Every structure is written in C-alpha cells, then in structure tokens.
Amino acid sequence: MAKRQRNVWLCQSCAFEFPAFEQPCRSCGKWETLVETIKEPARSPGAGLAVGGARRQLPPRPLRTAAGERAPRVPLGIAELDRVLGGGVVPGSIVLLGGEPGIGKSTLLLQAAAGIAVGGGRILYASGEESAAQIADRAARLGLMDGPTADAMELFSEHDAELIGEAARASRPTLLIVDSIQTATVESLDGVAGSVGQVRESAAVLARVARETGAATILVGHVTKEGSIAGPKTLEHLVDAVIMLDGDRHGSLRTLRAAKNRFGSTDELGLLEMSERGLIAIEDPGRAFIDDREVRAPGAVVAPLLEGSRPMLVEVQALVAGTAFGAPRRTGRGLDTARLALLAAVLVRRAGIQLGDRDIYANLVGGIELDEPALDLPLALALASAHGDMPINRLTVAIGEVGLLGELRPVSGLARRLREAARHGFTRAIVPAPRRGSQAEPSPEGMKVIAVATLSEAIREALDGR
C-alpha cells in the first residue's frame, strides 16, 4: 500500500525535523525557525526503474537543441513592466509582484490582463482578498469593461491553492494571477493563511501548475514594515522573477524594479504615474526629475544617471544649516544616508569645507530613490554650493564617483549620459578624468566637457573658481 504524506516541522536554520512544534530548536537552539512542511513519502528502492532494472531517464542533449525549445515572450501591454521583465513574461514562469498596500499592485495587474486580452490571450484572476464584484468595480474605473478584457478574463474568488490549480488546468489561461500569495492555503497543512509553511507550500503548488499548463503566473506578495516581501525567504527562490512596485502613496510616481530575474537584467527601472485611468508610463523620463525654473538656487545640480539601459537626468538638492542642538544631522531622501555622511567627511578632510558642525539635508527631485555611485560628485557639489551659498550654472551637469582620498573615478556609459544631457539643452559637464592609458570619449556636439582628477578641482570648476 502506498505511503501517505505527512507534515513535519523543519528548522530553517539547521534543517532538523520535528514531529510537532516546539521552541527553541533543540538542535541549534534558535527561536522562531520552525516551519510546518509537507514531507513526501520516500520512494522504494525499485521505484523509477523500467523493465529489466534500467532507470528511466532522458539522455543528455546538446545545448543547441535545448535553445530551440525556448518559448516566445508574451508582452503584457505595459511598456515599463515589459522593460523590467526583459520584454514580457515567459510562458510557464512565476513572477512575484511585491509592494505596500494601496501602492497600485491590483491596478497594475488588471492593466496587464487587459494587455493579454488585446493580444488574444485568456486570463484567470484568482483572488482570496476581494470578491468578483470588487474586481469588476476596479476594472470599470479603469475603463476595461467595454473592451476584450471583460470576456477574456475569468474571476475566481478562492484561496485554496489546489483548487486554483485545478481551475487553471481546466481553463489553460495565458496568464494566471493570484492575489495574494499570503491568502493562499493548502488544505493538508494546519497553519493559518499567511504563515510561513502555508505561503511556501502554496507557492510550490502554483509553481507546479505553471510548469504543467504553461501559464505565465503572477503572484502578489505583501511587504513587511522593513520593505521586504512577507513570508519565508525560500518564496523568492521558488519564483523566476521578483518585481517591486514602489513609490509614495501620497504622490503619483511609481517605480518598478526587478530584485531577481532569471530571464533578464535586474538593472532596468520602470517609471509609471498613477492617474484616474490607472498607471501610465512617464513619456520623457529624461526631464521628469528636473525643476524647470530659470534661475537655480544654491545647493542644486543636475546629474545624468543611467538606470539599466535608460539614461535620465535627476536634480540633486542639498541644504546646509547650523546645528540647533546636539550632534549634527545627516538626512537624505531618495539616496543612501550613509553615503551622504561619508561625502560630508571627504569634503571636510579633502576640500576644506567645514561641515562638521552643520546639519545636512539632501534630496532627489520627484521622489525617486536611486543608489548609484555616479551620484557622488553631483551630491558633493550640491553640498559645496549650499555651504558657500553660491549657485551652480543651471546648464551644468556633473557625474562621477568620489573616493575617500578625494579622487574622482570614471563611471560606465559616460557618452550615453552626456548625450542625454546635451539633448535637453545642457552645455557644460564636469566629469572624472579618464584613467591613465585610456582615451577620452568624444564630447556631444554643443557641450563642453571638463575632465578633473580631484574633488577640489571639480568644486572650483562648478563654482567658476570661487
């Protein structure tokens, strides 16, 4: 008689198995590491053997023959989401979409479903959080009830992962959406929805369904207060791509980034704007994060940055003020605060700008968050400009990495960055000097490129020798 599967408690730290829950783990002594897991019965020694005792297995194949089995990507109709995914979703793949409550995850998924419907595909939308009527109301607000989406999408208000899998096997959709993985459950487990064991086993069930049916599957994941996706870390290992939708709930800007992508790059950035008709792509990201005022105040400089394959211009702003009490503050919005404190120390030691007794505030215009070493030089120049109350020419851009010794280091893609700046009317650029033995890249037409070796030289050039 076939052995039945059973549930065990597995320590995520030392992999010791327990028949029942107990804390702490008696093997490693750690707390809150036990996860309820389904343990499959072990196969008998003869299992998997063909007649005559030969084990059934596929022979090795040349790489060239495997390449011919790659399925074409399916575009979702949202250019920014397709860009981050690498050109669309791959049939049979699993994508985990994370974001804070109210950021627009369900809106983005309905618009992606509309893109699939326009292309002739079918969608199965399984929701354990909302009723079919609530989803229909949102679709009506987005104007999707009058198009092909109303007929191509099937709604399934269910949280049981196995029942969702049966529905997907029956309908064979092009796109399967599960909103959310934290509400999905597996009946054979005793844990409540959202527990570590339920989340992991539900994701494993849906992953098998995606492989069997070839449906591109998107799982919605909630995030914790620390900003990571709720659930076990193994959840991110089970999926093929992890996409994060970020932004200020009180603002309109939304960004898409890939924390993991087996089928594309993780460097691409998607830029969307929330409107009454849903999420729309920002038409010209090159100028979306620049203040268009005629006279630039002290403490501001524009940086030509490169996010993946997309060049864009971002204005860096800084404010230096006297410390009211206690230790000086170092506050940054949209950038790394630790990097801000490091640059302040380099300015004090290598450029003679006394910031030790000053409060420092820095900001990226537009509410975007970036973490690129090329931001070092424009941020340092903004601090120097704010400290001396001397503005930098509004047609000047700066780019470069700053070392602890005050030296400037070249950045990748300099020519593309400068071409984007020249396209928007900037005529002067302060950049790091090329490495010894390497040739300087040609300057864009109409732009004067000033190559400097140290931070002190860059400050003198930015402030016109003042």
Foldseek 3Di string as FASTA:
>chain_A
DDDDKDKWWAFQPPRDTHRDDDPDPPPPRDGPRIAIAIGDDDDDPQPQADPPRHHDDDDDDDPVVVVVPFDDADALQAVLVCVQQVRHFGFLFEEEEEEAPLLAPLLVVLSSLLSCQVVPWAEEEEEQPDDPVVSVVSCVLLVNCPDSSVVRYDYHHDQELVVLLVVCVVPLTQEYEYHALQSHAHVNDDDHRNGQHGSVVSLVSVSVSRNVSRHYYYHYFYADPVGHTRYDPVSVVSGQWYWYWDDDSVAFWIKIFIPHHNPDDRQAIFIWGQDSNGTHGDPAQQPLADDPDPDDWQLKAKAFDQRPPDTHIKIKGKAKAADPDDFAAQEEAQEDSVLSVLLQVLCVPPVVQDRRRIHMYMYIGPRHHDYDQQCSLRNSLSVVRNSVRFHFPHLEHETFHADSNQWTDADPPPQVSQVSSVVVPRAEYEGADDDPPDDDDDHPPRHHYHHDTGSNVVNCVRRVND
